[in-house]
Amino acid sequence: MVRRDADEGGSAPPRELVIDAASAPGDSSDGAGSAMAPFAMTALASGVLAKFVSLTVALVPLGLAVVFLVVRRKSSEGRFVLRVEDGAVEVRRERGASPPVRIALADLVDVTLDRQTHQGARGASATERVRLALERRDSDAPVFVPEERVTPIEAQEWYGKVRVFLRKHGWVPDDEREAPAVS
C-alpha cells in the first residue's frame, strides 16, 4: 500500500510505503505439536471435573485458559511504514511505541533477503522463511522488515516493491554507485 501526501501531484513519487507482509501459513505455532492441543486439553479437563467433581469446579480450567490466552497474546504494533523525507528513510510501526529508525539514503548500502531454513521433522521437506534486511553502512545490525519471517514468495514481492520505492527517491545500491574519481 502506497500513501501519497495530499499536497503532492500525480508526478511526485509517494512518500510512504506501508509493508503489509502476510505471515506464513502455520507459523503461529510452527512447532511439531498441534495448535488445538491447549483447547482440547482444557475441554477434557473441564469435562472430567464436571463429571466427577462439580460444574462449578469445571469452570476453573476454562478460566485459567482464558487468562493464559490473554497473557500470551502478542500486542500488534501494526504494519511497517517506510517514509522518505529530507534524503533519509524512516522505518517505523503504525502503532509502535518504539522510536523510528532513520537511515540516510546515502548510508543505505543495500536491501537484501535474510533467509532461514528449517529442516522438517521425520523426513519432511525443509521450510524456508525470509525477511527483508536494510543494510546500513556504519552498522553491523541491519533493520529487518518485517521482524517475523514470511514465505519466500511474499518476501520477494516486498523486496521488489521496497527497492523500487527507494529508487524513486534517488537511492542507488552501493554496488551500483560510481567510485569517486582519484586525481
N, C-alpha and C. Protein backbone atom coordinates (compact mmCIF):
# COMPACT_ATOMS: atom_id res chain seq x y z
N MET A 1 0.85 -1.16 0.00
CA MET A 1 0.00 0.00 0.00
C MET A 1 0.89 1.23 0.00
N VAL A 2 0.63 2.12 -0.91
CA VAL A 2 1.42 3.34 -1.05
C VAL A 2 0.54 4.51 -0.70
N ARG A 3 1.03 5.39 0.16
CA ARG A 3 0.28 6.59 0.54
C ARG A 3 0.93 7.80 -0.11
N ARG A 4 0.09 8.66 -0.63
CA ARG A 4 0.57 9.93 -1.18
C ARG A 4 0.11 11.04 -0.24
N ASP A 5 0.94 12.05 -0.07
CA ASP A 5 0.52 13.20 0.71
C ASP A 5 -0.50 14.01 -0.09
N ALA A 6 -1.38 14.71 0.60
CA ALA A 6 -2.46 15.43 -0.06
C ALA A 6 -1.94 16.57 -0.95
N ASP A 7 -0.80 17.16 -0.59
CA ASP A 7 -0.31 18.30 -1.35
C ASP A 7 0.51 17.87 -2.56
N GLU A 8 0.72 16.59 -2.75
CA GLU A 8 1.53 16.12 -3.88
C GLU A 8 0.66 15.92 -5.10
N GLY A 9 1.21 16.19 -6.25
CA GLY A 9 0.51 15.91 -7.50
C GLY A 9 0.73 14.47 -7.90
N GLY A 10 0.26 14.11 -9.07
CA GLY A 10 0.41 12.74 -9.53
C GLY A 10 1.81 12.41 -9.98
N SER A 11 2.69 13.42 -10.20
CA SER A 11 4.02 13.16 -10.75
C SER A 11 5.06 12.84 -9.68
N ALA A 12 4.87 13.32 -8.48
CA ALA A 12 5.85 13.08 -7.42
C ALA A 12 5.71 11.65 -6.90
N PRO A 13 6.83 11.01 -6.56
CA PRO A 13 6.74 9.65 -6.01
C PRO A 13 6.09 9.69 -4.63
N PRO A 14 5.45 8.60 -4.25
CA PRO A 14 4.82 8.55 -2.92
C PRO A 14 5.88 8.65 -1.84
N ARG A 15 5.52 9.27 -0.72
CA ARG A 15 6.48 9.46 0.37
C ARG A 15 6.48 8.29 1.34
N GLU A 16 5.40 7.51 1.35
CA GLU A 16 5.30 6.39 2.29
C GLU A 16 4.99 5.09 1.56
N LEU A 17 5.54 4.02 2.10
CA LEU A 17 5.22 2.67 1.65
C LEU A 17 4.87 1.86 2.89
N VAL A 18 3.66 1.33 2.91
CA VAL A 18 3.21 0.51 4.04
C VAL A 18 3.45 -0.96 3.67
N ILE A 19 4.27 -1.62 4.46
CA ILE A 19 4.60 -3.02 4.21
C ILE A 19 3.64 -3.89 4.99
N ASP A 20 2.77 -4.56 4.26
CA ASP A 20 1.74 -5.39 4.84
C ASP A 20 2.00 -6.84 4.46
N ALA A 21 3.11 -7.37 4.92
CA ALA A 21 3.50 -8.74 4.58
C ALA A 21 2.67 -9.73 5.40
N ALA A 22 2.07 -10.68 4.71
CA ALA A 22 1.25 -11.69 5.37
C ALA A 22 2.15 -12.75 5.99
N SER A 23 1.79 -13.18 7.19
CA SER A 23 2.55 -14.23 7.87
C SER A 23 2.44 -15.52 7.08
N ALA A 24 3.46 -16.34 7.22
CA ALA A 24 3.46 -17.63 6.55
C ALA A 24 2.41 -18.53 7.18
N PRO A 25 1.74 -19.35 6.38
CA PRO A 25 0.71 -20.24 6.94
C PRO A 25 1.33 -21.22 7.93
N GLY A 26 0.66 -21.39 9.05
CA GLY A 26 1.14 -22.35 10.04
C GLY A 26 2.22 -21.82 10.95
N ASP A 27 2.61 -20.55 10.79
CA ASP A 27 3.70 -20.03 11.61
C ASP A 27 3.27 -19.62 13.01
N SER A 28 1.99 -19.66 13.30
CA SER A 28 1.58 -19.28 14.65
C SER A 28 2.12 -20.27 15.67
N SER A 29 2.19 -21.52 15.32
CA SER A 29 2.79 -22.48 16.24
C SER A 29 4.13 -22.94 15.71
N ASP A 30 4.22 -23.18 14.43
CA ASP A 30 5.43 -23.60 13.71
C ASP A 30 6.27 -24.62 14.46
N GLY A 31 5.65 -25.33 15.38
CA GLY A 31 6.34 -26.41 16.05
C GLY A 31 5.77 -27.72 15.55
N ALA A 32 6.21 -28.79 16.13
CA ALA A 32 5.73 -30.09 15.68
C ALA A 32 4.39 -30.44 16.31
N GLY A 33 3.97 -29.69 17.35
CA GLY A 33 2.75 -30.03 18.06
C GLY A 33 1.51 -29.46 17.39
N SER A 34 0.38 -29.88 17.92
CA SER A 34 -0.91 -29.43 17.40
C SER A 34 -1.28 -28.09 18.01
N ALA A 35 -1.85 -27.22 17.21
CA ALA A 35 -2.31 -25.93 17.71
C ALA A 35 -3.59 -26.08 18.51
N MET A 36 -4.26 -27.19 18.33
CA MET A 36 -5.52 -27.44 19.04
C MET A 36 -5.31 -28.08 20.41
N ALA A 37 -4.12 -28.50 20.73
CA ALA A 37 -3.86 -29.21 21.99
C ALA A 37 -4.30 -28.41 23.22
N PRO A 38 -3.97 -27.12 23.34
CA PRO A 38 -4.41 -26.40 24.55
C PRO A 38 -5.94 -26.38 24.70
N PHE A 39 -6.64 -26.23 23.60
CA PHE A 39 -8.11 -26.20 23.66
C PHE A 39 -8.67 -27.58 24.00
N ALA A 40 -8.12 -28.62 23.39
CA ALA A 40 -8.59 -29.97 23.65
C ALA A 40 -8.32 -30.38 25.09
N MET A 41 -7.14 -30.04 25.60
CA MET A 41 -6.80 -30.40 26.98
C MET A 41 -7.69 -29.65 27.97
N THR A 42 -8.00 -28.37 27.67
CA THR A 42 -8.89 -27.60 28.54
C THR A 42 -10.28 -28.21 28.56
N ALA A 43 -10.78 -28.56 27.39
CA ALA A 43 -12.12 -29.17 27.32
C ALA A 43 -12.15 -30.52 28.03
N LEU A 44 -11.10 -31.31 27.86
CA LEU A 44 -11.02 -32.62 28.52
C LEU A 44 -10.99 -32.46 30.04
N ALA A 45 -10.15 -31.54 30.53
CA ALA A 45 -10.05 -31.32 31.98
C ALA A 45 -11.37 -30.82 32.54
N SER A 46 -12.02 -29.89 31.83
CA SER A 46 -13.32 -29.38 32.30
C SER A 46 -14.37 -30.49 32.31
N GLY A 47 -14.36 -31.33 31.30
CA GLY A 47 -15.32 -32.44 31.25
C GLY A 47 -15.14 -33.42 32.39
N VAL A 48 -13.89 -33.77 32.68
CA VAL A 48 -13.60 -34.72 33.76
C VAL A 48 -14.01 -34.12 35.10
N LEU A 49 -13.67 -32.83 35.31
CA LEU A 49 -14.05 -32.18 36.57
C LEU A 49 -15.57 -32.05 36.71
N ALA A 50 -16.26 -31.76 35.62
CA ALA A 50 -17.72 -31.65 35.67
C ALA A 50 -18.36 -33.00 35.98
N LYS A 51 -17.79 -34.05 35.44
CA LYS A 51 -18.34 -35.39 35.64
C LYS A 51 -18.11 -35.90 37.06
N PHE A 52 -16.88 -35.72 37.58
CA PHE A 52 -16.52 -36.34 38.85
C PHE A 52 -16.51 -35.40 40.05
N VAL A 53 -16.47 -34.08 39.83
CA VAL A 53 -16.43 -33.17 40.98
C VAL A 53 -17.71 -32.32 40.98
N SER A 54 -17.72 -31.23 40.22
CA SER A 54 -18.93 -30.41 40.12
C SER A 54 -18.80 -29.47 38.93
N LEU A 55 -19.95 -28.92 38.52
CA LEU A 55 -19.94 -28.00 37.40
C LEU A 55 -19.17 -26.71 37.73
N THR A 56 -19.24 -26.28 38.95
CA THR A 56 -18.54 -25.05 39.36
C THR A 56 -17.03 -25.22 39.26
N VAL A 57 -16.52 -26.33 39.71
CA VAL A 57 -15.09 -26.60 39.66
C VAL A 57 -14.63 -26.76 38.21
N ALA A 58 -15.52 -27.22 37.34
CA ALA A 58 -15.19 -27.40 35.92
C ALA A 58 -14.89 -26.06 35.24
N LEU A 59 -15.35 -24.97 35.81
CA LEU A 59 -15.08 -23.65 35.23
C LEU A 59 -13.65 -23.17 35.49
N VAL A 60 -12.98 -23.77 36.46
CA VAL A 60 -11.60 -23.35 36.79
C VAL A 60 -10.66 -23.53 35.59
N PRO A 61 -10.60 -24.71 34.93
CA PRO A 61 -9.71 -24.82 33.76
C PRO A 61 -10.08 -23.84 32.64
N LEU A 62 -11.36 -23.59 32.47
CA LEU A 62 -11.77 -22.63 31.44
C LEU A 62 -11.28 -21.22 31.77
N GLY A 63 -11.40 -20.83 33.04
CA GLY A 63 -10.91 -19.52 33.47
C GLY A 63 -9.40 -19.41 33.32
N LEU A 64 -8.68 -20.47 33.69
CA LEU A 64 -7.22 -20.47 33.54
C LEU A 64 -6.81 -20.37 32.08
N ALA A 65 -7.55 -21.04 31.20
CA ALA A 65 -7.24 -20.98 29.77
C ALA A 65 -7.44 -19.58 29.22
N VAL A 66 -8.49 -18.91 29.65
CA VAL A 66 -8.74 -17.54 29.20
C VAL A 66 -7.63 -16.61 29.69
N VAL A 67 -7.25 -16.74 30.94
CA VAL A 67 -6.16 -15.91 31.49
C VAL A 67 -4.86 -16.18 30.74
N PHE A 68 -4.58 -17.43 30.47
CA PHE A 68 -3.37 -17.81 29.74
C PHE A 68 -3.34 -17.19 28.34
N LEU A 69 -4.46 -17.25 27.63
CA LEU A 69 -4.53 -16.68 26.29
C LEU A 69 -4.38 -15.16 26.30
N VAL A 70 -4.94 -14.50 27.28
CA VAL A 70 -4.81 -13.04 27.37
C VAL A 70 -3.37 -12.65 27.66
N VAL A 71 -2.72 -13.37 28.54
CA VAL A 71 -1.33 -13.06 28.90
C VAL A 71 -0.38 -13.32 27.73
N ARG A 72 -0.62 -14.40 26.99
CA ARG A 72 0.28 -14.76 25.90
C ARG A 72 0.02 -14.02 24.59
N ARG A 73 -1.07 -13.30 24.52
CA ARG A 73 -1.43 -12.62 23.28
C ARG A 73 -0.39 -11.57 22.94
N LYS A 74 0.04 -11.57 21.69
CA LYS A 74 1.01 -10.59 21.24
C LYS A 74 0.30 -9.28 20.98
N SER A 75 0.93 -8.21 21.42
CA SER A 75 0.36 -6.91 21.08
C SER A 75 0.77 -6.56 19.66
N SER A 76 -0.17 -6.15 18.89
CA SER A 76 0.10 -5.83 17.50
C SER A 76 0.54 -4.37 17.38
N GLU A 77 1.74 -4.18 16.92
CA GLU A 77 2.25 -2.83 16.72
C GLU A 77 1.89 -2.31 15.34
N GLY A 78 1.22 -3.13 14.57
CA GLY A 78 0.81 -2.70 13.24
C GLY A 78 1.86 -3.01 12.19
N ARG A 79 1.57 -2.55 10.99
CA ARG A 79 2.44 -2.79 9.85
C ARG A 79 3.65 -1.87 9.89
N PHE A 80 4.66 -2.21 9.10
CA PHE A 80 5.83 -1.36 8.96
C PHE A 80 5.53 -0.26 7.95
N VAL A 81 6.05 0.92 8.21
CA VAL A 81 5.88 2.06 7.31
C VAL A 81 7.26 2.62 6.99
N LEU A 82 7.57 2.71 5.70
CA LEU A 82 8.80 3.37 5.24
C LEU A 82 8.39 4.74 4.74
N ARG A 83 9.04 5.77 5.25
CA ARG A 83 8.74 7.15 4.84
C ARG A 83 10.04 7.83 4.46
N VAL A 84 10.09 8.36 3.25
CA VAL A 84 11.28 9.06 2.79
C VAL A 84 11.04 10.56 2.90
N GLU A 85 11.98 11.22 3.59
CA GLU A 85 11.87 12.67 3.80
C GLU A 85 13.26 13.23 4.05
N ASP A 86 13.57 14.31 3.37
CA ASP A 86 14.85 15.01 3.53
C ASP A 86 16.05 14.09 3.33
N GLY A 87 16.01 13.24 2.32
CA GLY A 87 17.14 12.38 1.99
C GLY A 87 17.38 11.24 2.95
N ALA A 88 16.37 10.87 3.74
CA ALA A 88 16.50 9.76 4.69
C ALA A 88 15.22 8.94 4.66
N VAL A 89 15.38 7.66 4.94
CA VAL A 89 14.22 6.78 5.06
C VAL A 89 13.99 6.52 6.54
N GLU A 90 12.74 6.65 6.95
CA GLU A 90 12.36 6.41 8.33
C GLU A 90 11.56 5.11 8.37
N VAL A 91 11.98 4.18 9.23
CA VAL A 91 11.31 2.89 9.38
C VAL A 91 10.62 2.91 10.73
N ARG A 92 9.30 2.76 10.71
CA ARG A 92 8.54 2.76 11.96
C ARG A 92 7.37 1.80 11.86
N ARG A 93 6.71 1.57 12.99
CA ARG A 93 5.49 0.76 13.03
C ARG A 93 4.31 1.70 13.12
N GLU A 94 3.17 1.26 12.63
CA GLU A 94 1.97 2.10 12.66
C GLU A 94 1.57 2.47 14.09
N ARG A 95 1.55 1.50 14.99
CA ARG A 95 1.12 1.75 16.36
C ARG A 95 2.24 1.44 17.35
N GLY A 96 3.46 1.51 16.92
CA GLY A 96 4.57 1.14 17.78
C GLY A 96 4.95 2.22 18.76
N ALA A 97 5.38 1.79 19.94
CA ALA A 97 5.82 2.73 20.95
C ALA A 97 7.31 3.06 20.80
N SER A 98 8.04 2.21 20.09
CA SER A 98 9.48 2.42 19.94
C SER A 98 9.73 3.54 18.92
N PRO A 99 10.82 4.27 19.11
CA PRO A 99 11.12 5.36 18.18
C PRO A 99 11.48 4.83 16.79
N PRO A 100 11.19 5.59 15.75
CA PRO A 100 11.51 5.13 14.40
C PRO A 100 13.02 5.12 14.16
N VAL A 101 13.44 4.31 13.21
CA VAL A 101 14.85 4.24 12.82
C VAL A 101 14.99 5.08 11.56
N ARG A 102 15.94 6.04 11.58
CA ARG A 102 16.20 6.88 10.40
C ARG A 102 17.54 6.48 9.80
N ILE A 103 17.51 6.27 8.49
CA ILE A 103 18.72 5.92 7.76
C ILE A 103 18.83 6.87 6.58
N ALA A 104 19.96 7.56 6.49
CA ALA A 104 20.18 8.42 5.33
C ALA A 104 20.26 7.54 4.09
N LEU A 105 19.66 7.98 3.00
CA LEU A 105 19.68 7.18 1.78
C LEU A 105 21.11 6.91 1.32
N ALA A 106 22.02 7.85 1.57
CA ALA A 106 23.42 7.65 1.20
C ALA A 106 24.08 6.56 2.05
N ASP A 107 23.56 6.33 3.27
CA ASP A 107 24.12 5.30 4.16
C ASP A 107 23.43 3.95 4.03
N LEU A 108 22.38 3.89 3.22
CA LEU A 108 21.69 2.62 2.99
C LEU A 108 22.44 1.88 1.90
N VAL A 109 23.17 0.85 2.28
CA VAL A 109 24.03 0.11 1.36
C VAL A 109 23.21 -0.74 0.40
N ASP A 110 22.28 -1.53 0.93
CA ASP A 110 21.52 -2.42 0.07
C ASP A 110 20.27 -2.91 0.81
N VAL A 111 19.33 -3.42 0.05
CA VAL A 111 18.17 -4.12 0.58
C VAL A 111 18.36 -5.57 0.16
N THR A 112 18.44 -6.46 1.15
CA THR A 112 18.71 -7.86 0.87
C THR A 112 17.64 -8.75 1.49
N LEU A 113 17.71 -10.03 1.18
CA LEU A 113 16.82 -11.02 1.77
C LEU A 113 17.58 -11.84 2.80
N ASP A 114 17.08 -11.90 4.01
CA ASP A 114 17.68 -12.68 5.09
C ASP A 114 16.92 -14.00 5.16
N ARG A 115 17.57 -15.08 4.74
CA ARG A 115 16.92 -16.39 4.63
C ARG A 115 17.26 -17.28 5.82
N GLN A 116 16.29 -18.11 6.19
CA GLN A 116 16.49 -19.11 7.24
C GLN A 116 15.75 -20.38 6.83
N THR A 117 16.43 -21.50 6.90
CA THR A 117 15.84 -22.78 6.52
C THR A 117 15.72 -23.68 7.74
N HIS A 118 14.54 -24.28 7.90
CA HIS A 118 14.30 -25.25 8.97
C HIS A 118 14.09 -26.61 8.34
N GLN A 119 14.82 -27.59 8.81
CA GLN A 119 14.62 -28.96 8.32
C GLN A 119 13.34 -29.50 8.93
N GLY A 120 12.52 -30.11 8.11
CA GLY A 120 11.26 -30.68 8.58
C GLY A 120 11.48 -31.90 9.45
N ALA A 121 10.52 -32.20 10.29
CA ALA A 121 10.61 -33.36 11.18
C ALA A 121 10.25 -34.64 10.42
N ARG A 122 10.88 -35.71 10.77
CA ARG A 122 10.60 -37.05 10.25
C ARG A 122 10.55 -37.11 8.73
N GLY A 123 11.56 -36.60 8.09
CA GLY A 123 11.67 -36.72 6.64
C GLY A 123 10.89 -35.70 5.85
N ALA A 124 10.24 -34.77 6.50
CA ALA A 124 9.50 -33.73 5.77
C ALA A 124 10.50 -32.79 5.10
N SER A 125 10.05 -32.13 4.07
CA SER A 125 10.96 -31.23 3.34
C SER A 125 11.29 -30.00 4.19
N ALA A 126 12.39 -29.38 3.85
CA ALA A 126 12.85 -28.19 4.56
C ALA A 126 11.91 -27.02 4.26
N THR A 127 11.76 -26.14 5.23
CA THR A 127 10.93 -24.95 5.09
C THR A 127 11.82 -23.72 5.14
N GLU A 128 11.65 -22.85 4.16
CA GLU A 128 12.44 -21.62 4.15
C GLU A 128 11.54 -20.44 4.49
N ARG A 129 12.04 -19.57 5.35
CA ARG A 129 11.35 -18.33 5.71
C ARG A 129 12.33 -17.19 5.50
N VAL A 130 11.80 -16.04 5.08
CA VAL A 130 12.63 -14.92 4.65
C VAL A 130 12.09 -13.62 5.23
N ARG A 131 12.98 -12.65 5.41
CA ARG A 131 12.59 -11.28 5.76
C ARG A 131 13.54 -10.32 5.06
N LEU A 132 13.11 -9.09 4.90
CA LEU A 132 13.94 -8.07 4.27
C LEU A 132 14.92 -7.50 5.26
N ALA A 133 16.11 -7.17 4.79
CA ALA A 133 17.13 -6.55 5.64
C ALA A 133 17.60 -5.28 4.96
N LEU A 134 17.49 -4.16 5.67
CA LEU A 134 18.01 -2.89 5.19
C LEU A 134 19.43 -2.76 5.75
N GLU A 135 20.41 -2.95 4.89
CA GLU A 135 21.82 -2.95 5.30
C GLU A 135 22.32 -1.51 5.38
N ARG A 136 22.88 -1.16 6.55
CA ARG A 136 23.41 0.20 6.77
C ARG A 136 24.92 0.20 6.67
N ARG A 137 25.47 1.34 6.27
CA ARG A 137 26.91 1.45 6.06
C ARG A 137 27.71 1.28 7.36
N ASP A 138 27.36 1.99 8.40
CA ASP A 138 28.19 2.01 9.61
C ASP A 138 27.60 1.18 10.75
N SER A 139 26.82 0.16 10.42
CA SER A 139 26.22 -0.64 11.47
C SER A 139 26.29 -2.12 11.09
N ASP A 140 26.59 -2.93 12.08
CA ASP A 140 26.63 -4.38 11.85
C ASP A 140 25.22 -4.96 11.80
N ALA A 141 24.30 -4.32 12.50
CA ALA A 141 22.94 -4.85 12.59
C ALA A 141 22.03 -4.19 11.55
N PRO A 142 21.51 -4.98 10.62
CA PRO A 142 20.56 -4.41 9.66
C PRO A 142 19.20 -4.19 10.32
N VAL A 143 18.36 -3.45 9.65
CA VAL A 143 16.98 -3.25 10.10
C VAL A 143 16.14 -4.29 9.36
N PHE A 144 15.43 -5.14 10.11
CA PHE A 144 14.62 -6.19 9.50
C PHE A 144 13.18 -5.74 9.35
N VAL A 145 12.64 -5.97 8.15
CA VAL A 145 11.27 -5.58 7.84
C VAL A 145 10.63 -6.72 7.07
N PRO A 146 9.63 -7.37 7.53
CA PRO A 146 9.09 -7.36 8.88
C PRO A 146 10.01 -8.14 9.82
N GLU A 147 9.76 -8.03 11.10
CA GLU A 147 10.60 -8.75 12.06
C GLU A 147 10.37 -10.25 11.98
N GLU A 148 9.11 -10.65 11.72
CA GLU A 148 8.79 -12.06 11.58
C GLU A 148 9.11 -12.48 10.15
N ARG A 149 9.57 -13.68 9.99
CA ARG A 149 9.89 -14.18 8.66
C ARG A 149 8.61 -14.60 7.93
N VAL A 150 8.63 -14.42 6.62
CA VAL A 150 7.47 -14.75 5.78
C VAL A 150 7.91 -15.74 4.71
N THR A 151 6.97 -16.15 3.87
CA THR A 151 7.31 -17.09 2.80
C THR A 151 8.22 -16.41 1.78
N PRO A 152 9.02 -17.19 1.07
CA PRO A 152 9.92 -16.59 0.07
C PRO A 152 9.18 -15.80 -1.01
N ILE A 153 8.02 -16.26 -1.42
CA ILE A 153 7.27 -15.54 -2.46
C ILE A 153 6.82 -14.17 -1.94
N GLU A 154 6.30 -14.13 -0.72
CA GLU A 154 5.86 -12.87 -0.12
C GLU A 154 7.05 -11.92 0.05
N ALA A 155 8.17 -12.43 0.54
CA ALA A 155 9.35 -11.60 0.74
C ALA A 155 9.89 -11.07 -0.59
N GLN A 156 9.89 -11.89 -1.62
CA GLN A 156 10.38 -11.46 -2.93
C GLN A 156 9.52 -10.34 -3.49
N GLU A 157 8.22 -10.44 -3.29
CA GLU A 157 7.31 -9.38 -3.76
C GLU A 157 7.61 -8.05 -3.07
N TRP A 158 7.77 -8.10 -1.73
CA TRP A 158 8.05 -6.86 -0.99
C TRP A 158 9.46 -6.36 -1.25
N TYR A 159 10.39 -7.26 -1.51
CA TYR A 159 11.77 -6.88 -1.86
C TYR A 159 11.75 -5.97 -3.09
N GLY A 160 11.02 -6.37 -4.12
CA GLY A 160 10.93 -5.56 -5.33
C GLY A 160 10.24 -4.23 -5.08
N LYS A 161 9.16 -4.25 -4.31
CA LYS A 161 8.42 -3.02 -4.03
C LYS A 161 9.27 -2.02 -3.24
N VAL A 162 10.00 -2.50 -2.24
CA VAL A 162 10.83 -1.61 -1.42
C VAL A 162 11.96 -1.01 -2.25
N ARG A 163 12.62 -1.82 -3.06
CA ARG A 163 13.72 -1.31 -3.89
C ARG A 163 13.21 -0.27 -4.90
N VAL A 164 12.07 -0.53 -5.54
CA VAL A 164 11.51 0.43 -6.49
C VAL A 164 11.12 1.72 -5.77
N PHE A 165 10.50 1.60 -4.61
CA PHE A 165 10.10 2.76 -3.82
C PHE A 165 11.32 3.62 -3.48
N LEU A 166 12.39 2.98 -3.00
CA LEU A 166 13.60 3.74 -2.63
C LEU A 166 14.28 4.35 -3.85
N ARG A 167 14.31 3.63 -4.96
CA ARG A 167 14.93 4.16 -6.18
C ARG A 167 14.20 5.39 -6.70
N LYS A 168 12.89 5.43 -6.53
CA LYS A 168 12.11 6.60 -6.96
C LYS A 168 12.51 7.86 -6.19
N HIS A 169 13.12 7.65 -5.03
CA HIS A 169 13.56 8.78 -4.20
C HIS A 169 15.07 9.02 -4.33
N GLY A 170 15.69 8.43 -5.33
CA GLY A 170 17.09 8.70 -5.61
C GLY A 170 18.09 7.74 -4.99
N TRP A 171 17.63 6.69 -4.31
CA TRP A 171 18.56 5.73 -3.71
C TRP A 171 19.12 4.82 -4.79
N VAL A 172 20.40 4.55 -4.67
CA VAL A 172 21.08 3.61 -5.57
C VAL A 172 21.85 2.63 -4.69
N PRO A 173 21.75 1.31 -4.98
CA PRO A 173 22.52 0.34 -4.18
C PRO A 173 24.02 0.64 -4.24
N ASP A 174 24.71 0.31 -3.19
CA ASP A 174 26.14 0.63 -3.07
C ASP A 174 26.96 0.07 -4.21
N ASP A 175 26.66 -1.13 -4.69
CA ASP A 175 27.46 -1.73 -5.75
C ASP A 175 27.21 -1.09 -7.11
N GLU A 176 26.18 -0.25 -7.23
CA GLU A 176 25.92 0.45 -8.48
C GLU A 176 26.41 1.89 -8.45
N ARG A 177 26.85 2.36 -7.29
CA ARG A 177 27.33 3.74 -7.18
C ARG A 177 28.70 3.86 -7.82
N GLU A 178 28.91 5.02 -8.41
CA GLU A 178 30.22 5.27 -9.03
C GLU A 178 31.24 5.58 -7.94
N ALA A 179 32.43 5.03 -8.13
CA ALA A 179 33.51 5.32 -7.20
C ALA A 179 34.00 6.74 -7.46
N PRO A 180 34.38 7.47 -6.40
CA PRO A 180 34.89 8.81 -6.60
C PRO A 180 36.19 8.79 -7.41
N ALA A 181 36.30 9.75 -8.30
CA ALA A 181 37.49 9.83 -9.16
C ALA A 181 38.71 10.21 -8.33
N VAL A 182 39.81 9.49 -8.57
CA VAL A 182 41.05 9.77 -7.87
C VAL A 182 41.92 10.63 -8.77
N SER A 183 42.38 11.77 -8.28
CA SER A 183 43.20 12.67 -9.09
C SER A 183 44.65 12.49 -8.81
